Amino acid sequence: MDARPEQGFPSSCRLRHSREYTQIWRQGRRCHTTHLLVLAASSHDGIRLGISVGRKVGNAVCRNRIKRWLREYFRTQRSTLKTGVDLSVVVKPGAAQLSHNEINQQLQDAFRLLQVSADA
């Protein structure tokens, strides 16, 4: 049993089906940063996250590291984000050279511009 369930990243917080991604692409608002494209669409299921990292970004180790960093940022900041929104993050080529803090900063800027952050 998980000792801290509020700190986890359960499947209810993930986008899992292609139709969910398609809906966000059709209905969502977009925000481009240097190395990320963040899409946000309204939802009635709380707040969920989907991540896409293509093979042009780097090798498998690098892509998985970026996905872990994005999930960790979402997991720790989930309480500060507005509910009722689905988020999709697409990582652009060139992000492999970024540090953890740089990715966090770009994601934070995108959330603020999309007004999904509670402090926006």
N, C-alpha and C. Protein backbone atom coordinates (compact mmCIF):
# COMPACT_ATOMS: atom_id res chain seq x y z
N MET A 1 0.84 -1.18 0.00
CA MET A 1 0.00 0.00 0.00
C MET A 1 0.88 1.24 0.00
N ASP A 2 0.50 2.22 -0.77
CA ASP A 2 1.27 3.45 -0.89
C ASP A 2 1.10 4.30 0.36
N ALA A 3 2.20 4.73 0.95
CA ALA A 3 2.15 5.51 2.19
C ALA A 3 1.68 6.94 1.93
N ARG A 4 1.93 7.46 0.71
CA ARG A 4 1.54 8.84 0.37
C ARG A 4 0.77 8.83 -0.94
N PRO A 5 -0.51 8.51 -0.93
CA PRO A 5 -1.25 8.40 -2.18
C PRO A 5 -1.37 9.73 -2.92
N GLU A 6 -1.34 10.87 -2.22
CA GLU A 6 -1.44 12.16 -2.89
C GLU A 6 -0.18 12.50 -3.66
N GLN A 7 0.92 11.80 -3.41
CA GLN A 7 2.18 12.06 -4.08
C GLN A 7 2.41 11.13 -5.27
N GLY A 8 1.50 10.23 -5.53
CA GLY A 8 1.67 9.29 -6.62
C GLY A 8 1.25 9.86 -7.97
N PHE A 9 1.33 9.02 -8.98
CA PHE A 9 0.91 9.40 -10.33
C PHE A 9 0.05 8.26 -10.86
N PRO A 10 -1.19 8.14 -10.34
CA PRO A 10 -2.04 7.01 -10.71
C PRO A 10 -2.53 7.12 -12.15
N SER A 11 -3.09 6.04 -12.65
CA SER A 11 -3.57 6.02 -14.03
C SER A 11 -4.73 6.98 -14.25
N SER A 12 -5.42 7.37 -13.21
CA SER A 12 -6.51 8.34 -13.35
C SER A 12 -5.98 9.73 -13.68
N CYS A 13 -4.68 9.96 -13.53
CA CYS A 13 -4.06 11.25 -13.83
C CYS A 13 -3.34 11.24 -15.17
N ARG A 14 -3.53 10.18 -15.96
CA ARG A 14 -2.81 10.04 -17.22
C ARG A 14 -3.79 10.02 -18.39
N LEU A 15 -3.34 10.54 -19.52
CA LEU A 15 -4.05 10.35 -20.77
C LEU A 15 -3.56 9.01 -21.32
N ARG A 16 -4.49 8.11 -21.63
CA ARG A 16 -4.08 6.76 -21.99
C ARG A 16 -4.53 6.33 -23.39
N HIS A 17 -5.47 7.04 -23.98
CA HIS A 17 -6.03 6.59 -25.26
C HIS A 17 -5.81 7.65 -26.34
N SER A 18 -5.68 7.19 -27.56
CA SER A 18 -5.42 8.12 -28.66
C SER A 18 -6.59 9.08 -28.86
N ARG A 19 -7.80 8.66 -28.55
CA ARG A 19 -8.95 9.56 -28.71
C ARG A 19 -8.88 10.74 -27.73
N GLU A 20 -8.26 10.54 -26.57
CA GLU A 20 -8.08 11.63 -25.62
C GLU A 20 -7.07 12.65 -26.15
N TYR A 21 -5.99 12.17 -26.75
CA TYR A 21 -5.01 13.07 -27.36
C TYR A 21 -5.63 13.81 -28.54
N THR A 22 -6.41 13.11 -29.35
CA THR A 22 -7.05 13.73 -30.50
C THR A 22 -7.99 14.84 -30.07
N GLN A 23 -8.74 14.62 -29.01
CA GLN A 23 -9.65 15.64 -28.50
C GLN A 23 -8.88 16.88 -28.05
N ILE A 24 -7.75 16.69 -27.40
CA ILE A 24 -6.95 17.84 -26.95
C ILE A 24 -6.41 18.59 -28.16
N TRP A 25 -5.93 17.87 -29.18
CA TRP A 25 -5.40 18.53 -30.37
C TRP A 25 -6.47 19.32 -31.09
N ARG A 26 -7.71 18.85 -31.09
CA ARG A 26 -8.79 19.54 -31.79
C ARG A 26 -9.35 20.71 -30.99
N GLN A 27 -9.51 20.55 -29.69
CA GLN A 27 -10.22 21.53 -28.88
C GLN A 27 -9.31 22.36 -27.97
N GLY A 28 -8.06 21.96 -27.84
CA GLY A 28 -7.21 22.59 -26.83
C GLY A 28 -6.54 23.87 -27.27
N ARG A 29 -6.08 24.60 -26.27
CA ARG A 29 -5.26 25.80 -26.49
C ARG A 29 -3.81 25.36 -26.52
N ARG A 30 -2.99 26.08 -27.31
CA ARG A 30 -1.58 25.71 -27.48
C ARG A 30 -0.66 26.78 -26.91
N CYS A 31 0.47 26.32 -26.41
CA CYS A 31 1.52 27.22 -25.96
C CYS A 31 2.86 26.62 -26.38
N HIS A 32 3.61 27.36 -27.19
CA HIS A 32 4.93 26.92 -27.62
C HIS A 32 5.99 27.57 -26.75
N THR A 33 6.91 26.77 -26.28
CA THR A 33 8.13 27.29 -25.68
C THR A 33 9.27 26.86 -26.60
N THR A 34 10.48 27.12 -26.22
CA THR A 34 11.61 26.78 -27.08
C THR A 34 11.68 25.29 -27.37
N HIS A 35 11.44 24.47 -26.36
CA HIS A 35 11.60 23.02 -26.53
C HIS A 35 10.35 22.21 -26.20
N LEU A 36 9.24 22.88 -25.89
CA LEU A 36 8.01 22.16 -25.55
C LEU A 36 6.82 22.77 -26.28
N LEU A 37 5.86 21.92 -26.58
CA LEU A 37 4.54 22.36 -27.02
C LEU A 37 3.56 21.80 -25.99
N VAL A 38 2.82 22.68 -25.35
CA VAL A 38 1.88 22.26 -24.31
C VAL A 38 0.48 22.60 -24.79
N LEU A 39 -0.41 21.61 -24.73
CA LEU A 39 -1.80 21.79 -25.11
C LEU A 39 -2.67 21.57 -23.89
N ALA A 40 -3.71 22.38 -23.75
CA ALA A 40 -4.62 22.27 -22.62
C ALA A 40 -6.05 22.32 -23.12
N ALA A 41 -6.88 21.40 -22.66
CA ALA A 41 -8.29 21.36 -23.02
C ALA A 41 -9.10 21.10 -21.77
N SER A 42 -10.29 21.65 -21.73
CA SER A 42 -11.14 21.45 -20.56
C SER A 42 -11.58 19.99 -20.48
N SER A 43 -11.78 19.55 -19.26
CA SER A 43 -12.14 18.17 -18.99
C SER A 43 -13.05 18.13 -17.77
N HIS A 44 -13.75 17.06 -17.61
CA HIS A 44 -14.58 16.89 -16.42
C HIS A 44 -14.03 15.78 -15.52
N ASP A 45 -12.84 15.29 -15.84
CA ASP A 45 -12.25 14.18 -15.10
C ASP A 45 -11.13 14.61 -14.15
N GLY A 46 -11.11 15.85 -13.72
CA GLY A 46 -10.01 16.31 -12.88
C GLY A 46 -8.90 16.86 -13.74
N ILE A 47 -7.67 16.51 -13.42
CA ILE A 47 -6.52 16.98 -14.20
C ILE A 47 -5.70 15.77 -14.62
N ARG A 48 -5.40 15.70 -15.93
CA ARG A 48 -4.65 14.56 -16.46
C ARG A 48 -3.51 15.06 -17.35
N LEU A 49 -2.48 14.23 -17.49
CA LEU A 49 -1.29 14.59 -18.25
C LEU A 49 -0.96 13.50 -19.25
N GLY A 50 -0.57 13.94 -20.45
CA GLY A 50 -0.04 13.04 -21.47
C GLY A 50 1.26 13.61 -21.99
N ILE A 51 2.21 12.74 -22.29
CA ILE A 51 3.54 13.17 -22.73
C ILE A 51 3.88 12.45 -24.02
N SER A 52 4.40 13.22 -25.00
CA SER A 52 4.88 12.65 -26.26
C SER A 52 6.31 13.11 -26.49
N VAL A 53 7.19 12.14 -26.65
CA VAL A 53 8.59 12.45 -26.93
C VAL A 53 9.00 11.59 -28.13
N GLY A 54 9.25 12.24 -29.25
CA GLY A 54 9.60 11.53 -30.47
C GLY A 54 11.05 11.09 -30.50
N ARG A 55 11.38 10.25 -31.49
CA ARG A 55 12.73 9.71 -31.59
C ARG A 55 13.77 10.74 -32.02
N LYS A 56 13.33 11.88 -32.53
CA LYS A 56 14.28 12.92 -32.92
C LYS A 56 14.87 13.65 -31.71
N VAL A 57 14.30 13.44 -30.54
CA VAL A 57 14.75 14.15 -29.34
C VAL A 57 16.08 13.61 -28.85
N GLY A 58 16.32 12.34 -28.93
CA GLY A 58 17.56 11.76 -28.45
C GLY A 58 17.43 10.26 -28.39
N ASN A 59 18.37 9.62 -27.72
CA ASN A 59 18.25 8.17 -27.59
C ASN A 59 17.21 7.82 -26.52
N ALA A 60 16.96 6.54 -26.34
CA ALA A 60 15.91 6.10 -25.43
C ALA A 60 16.16 6.53 -23.99
N VAL A 61 17.40 6.52 -23.58
CA VAL A 61 17.74 6.92 -22.21
C VAL A 61 17.37 8.38 -21.99
N CYS A 62 17.70 9.22 -22.95
CA CYS A 62 17.40 10.66 -22.86
C CYS A 62 15.89 10.91 -22.88
N ARG A 63 15.18 10.24 -23.78
CA ARG A 63 13.73 10.42 -23.87
C ARG A 63 13.04 10.01 -22.58
N ASN A 64 13.47 8.88 -22.02
CA ASN A 64 12.85 8.42 -20.78
C ASN A 64 13.18 9.35 -19.61
N ARG A 65 14.37 9.91 -19.60
CA ARG A 65 14.74 10.86 -18.55
C ARG A 65 13.86 12.09 -18.62
N ILE A 66 13.63 12.61 -19.81
CA ILE A 66 12.77 13.79 -19.98
C ILE A 66 11.35 13.48 -19.54
N LYS A 67 10.85 12.30 -19.89
CA LYS A 67 9.49 11.93 -19.46
C LYS A 67 9.40 11.83 -17.94
N ARG A 68 10.42 11.26 -17.31
CA ARG A 68 10.42 11.18 -15.84
C ARG A 68 10.42 12.57 -15.22
N TRP A 69 11.21 13.50 -15.78
CA TRP A 69 11.25 14.87 -15.26
C TRP A 69 9.89 15.55 -15.41
N LEU A 70 9.23 15.37 -16.56
CA LEU A 70 7.92 15.99 -16.78
C LEU A 70 6.88 15.41 -15.83
N ARG A 71 6.89 14.09 -15.67
CA ARG A 71 5.94 13.47 -14.73
C ARG A 71 6.19 13.93 -13.31
N GLU A 72 7.46 14.06 -12.93
CA GLU A 72 7.79 14.51 -11.57
C GLU A 72 7.33 15.94 -11.33
N TYR A 73 7.53 16.81 -12.32
CA TYR A 73 7.05 18.19 -12.17
C TYR A 73 5.53 18.20 -12.00
N PHE A 74 4.84 17.46 -12.84
CA PHE A 74 3.38 17.40 -12.75
C PHE A 74 2.95 16.83 -11.40
N ARG A 75 3.60 15.76 -10.95
CA ARG A 75 3.23 15.12 -9.70
C ARG A 75 3.40 16.07 -8.51
N THR A 76 4.50 16.83 -8.50
CA THR A 76 4.75 17.71 -7.36
C THR A 76 3.93 18.99 -7.43
N GLN A 77 3.57 19.43 -8.63
CA GLN A 77 2.83 20.69 -8.79
C GLN A 77 1.33 20.48 -9.02
N ARG A 78 0.87 19.26 -9.00
CA ARG A 78 -0.54 18.96 -9.31
C ARG A 78 -1.50 19.71 -8.40
N SER A 79 -1.13 19.90 -7.15
CA SER A 79 -2.01 20.60 -6.22
C SER A 79 -2.12 22.09 -6.54
N THR A 80 -1.16 22.65 -7.28
CA THR A 80 -1.20 24.07 -7.63
C THR A 80 -1.85 24.33 -8.98
N LEU A 81 -2.25 23.26 -9.68
CA LEU A 81 -2.87 23.40 -11.00
C LEU A 81 -4.38 23.37 -10.87
N LYS A 82 -5.05 24.08 -11.77
CA LYS A 82 -6.51 24.09 -11.77
C LYS A 82 -7.03 22.73 -12.20
N THR A 83 -8.13 22.32 -11.61
CA THR A 83 -8.73 21.04 -11.98
C THR A 83 -9.63 21.22 -13.20
N GLY A 84 -10.02 20.11 -13.79
CA GLY A 84 -10.89 20.16 -14.94
C GLY A 84 -10.16 20.47 -16.23
N VAL A 85 -8.91 20.00 -16.34
CA VAL A 85 -8.12 20.28 -17.55
C VAL A 85 -7.28 19.05 -17.90
N ASP A 86 -7.20 18.78 -19.19
CA ASP A 86 -6.31 17.75 -19.70
C ASP A 86 -5.11 18.45 -20.34
N LEU A 87 -3.92 17.96 -20.06
CA LEU A 87 -2.69 18.57 -20.57
C LEU A 87 -1.94 17.55 -21.41
N SER A 88 -1.42 18.00 -22.54
CA SER A 88 -0.56 17.17 -23.37
C SER A 88 0.72 17.94 -23.61
N VAL A 89 1.84 17.31 -23.35
CA VAL A 89 3.15 17.93 -23.53
C VAL A 89 3.88 17.19 -24.64
N VAL A 90 4.25 17.93 -25.67
CA VAL A 90 5.03 17.38 -26.78
C VAL A 90 6.43 17.98 -26.69
N VAL A 91 7.42 17.12 -26.62
CA VAL A 91 8.80 17.56 -26.49
C VAL A 91 9.39 17.72 -27.88
N LYS A 92 9.99 18.88 -28.14
CA LYS A 92 10.57 19.17 -29.44
C LYS A 92 12.04 18.72 -29.48
N PRO A 93 12.56 18.49 -30.70
CA PRO A 93 13.98 18.15 -30.82
C PRO A 93 14.84 19.27 -30.23
N GLY A 94 15.93 18.89 -29.63
CA GLY A 94 16.81 19.86 -28.99
C GLY A 94 16.65 19.87 -27.48
N ALA A 95 15.60 19.27 -26.98
CA ALA A 95 15.36 19.25 -25.54
C ALA A 95 16.33 18.32 -24.81
N ALA A 96 17.03 17.48 -25.54
CA ALA A 96 17.95 16.54 -24.92
C ALA A 96 19.09 17.25 -24.20
N GLN A 97 19.42 18.47 -24.63
CA GLN A 97 20.53 19.19 -24.01
C GLN A 97 20.10 20.01 -22.80
N LEU A 98 18.82 20.02 -22.48
CA LEU A 98 18.34 20.83 -21.36
C LEU A 98 18.59 20.15 -20.03
N SER A 99 18.72 20.97 -19.00
CA SER A 99 18.82 20.43 -17.64
C SER A 99 17.41 20.27 -17.06
N HIS A 100 17.36 19.61 -15.94
CA HIS A 100 16.09 19.40 -15.25
C HIS A 100 15.41 20.74 -14.93
N ASN A 101 16.17 21.68 -14.43
CA ASN A 101 15.61 22.99 -14.07
C ASN A 101 15.11 23.76 -15.28
N GLU A 102 15.80 23.65 -16.41
CA GLU A 102 15.36 24.34 -17.62
C GLU A 102 14.04 23.78 -18.13
N ILE A 103 13.89 22.47 -18.06
CA ILE A 103 12.62 21.86 -18.48
C ILE A 103 11.51 22.29 -17.54
N ASN A 104 11.77 22.29 -16.24
CA ASN A 104 10.77 22.73 -15.27
C ASN A 104 10.36 24.18 -15.53
N GLN A 105 11.31 25.04 -15.84
CA GLN A 105 11.01 26.45 -16.07
C GLN A 105 10.15 26.61 -17.32
N GLN A 106 10.46 25.90 -18.39
CA GLN A 106 9.67 26.00 -19.61
C GLN A 106 8.26 25.49 -19.38
N LEU A 107 8.12 24.40 -18.65
CA LEU A 107 6.79 23.86 -18.36
C LEU A 107 6.00 24.82 -17.48
N GLN A 108 6.65 25.41 -16.50
CA GLN A 108 5.99 26.38 -15.62
C GLN A 108 5.53 27.59 -16.42
N ASP A 109 6.36 28.09 -17.33
CA ASP A 109 5.98 29.23 -18.17
C ASP A 109 4.78 28.89 -19.04
N ALA A 110 4.79 27.70 -19.62
CA ALA A 110 3.67 27.29 -20.47
C ALA A 110 2.38 27.16 -19.67
N PHE A 111 2.44 26.59 -18.48
CA PHE A 111 1.25 26.47 -17.64
C PHE A 111 0.71 27.85 -17.26
N ARG A 112 1.62 28.78 -16.99
CA ARG A 112 1.18 30.13 -16.63
C ARG A 112 0.50 30.81 -17.83
N LEU A 113 1.09 30.68 -19.01
CA LEU A 113 0.50 31.29 -20.21
C LEU A 113 -0.84 30.66 -20.59
N LEU A 114 -0.99 29.37 -20.36
CA LEU A 114 -2.25 28.70 -20.63
C LEU A 114 -3.27 28.89 -19.52
N GLN A 115 -2.86 29.52 -18.45
CA GLN A 115 -3.71 29.81 -17.30
C GLN A 115 -4.27 28.54 -16.66
N VAL A 116 -3.45 27.52 -16.57
CA VAL A 116 -3.84 26.31 -15.85
C VAL A 116 -3.20 26.26 -14.49
N SER A 117 -2.25 27.15 -14.24
CA SER A 117 -1.64 27.26 -12.93
C SER A 117 -2.52 28.11 -12.04
N ALA A 118 -2.64 27.72 -10.79
CA ALA A 118 -3.53 28.43 -9.87
C ALA A 118 -3.04 29.86 -9.62
N ASP A 119 -1.76 30.14 -9.78
CA ASP A 119 -1.24 31.48 -9.54
C ASP A 119 -1.31 32.36 -10.79
N ALA A 120 -1.83 31.84 -11.89
CA ALA A 120 -1.94 32.66 -13.11
C ALA A 120 -3.16 33.55 -13.10
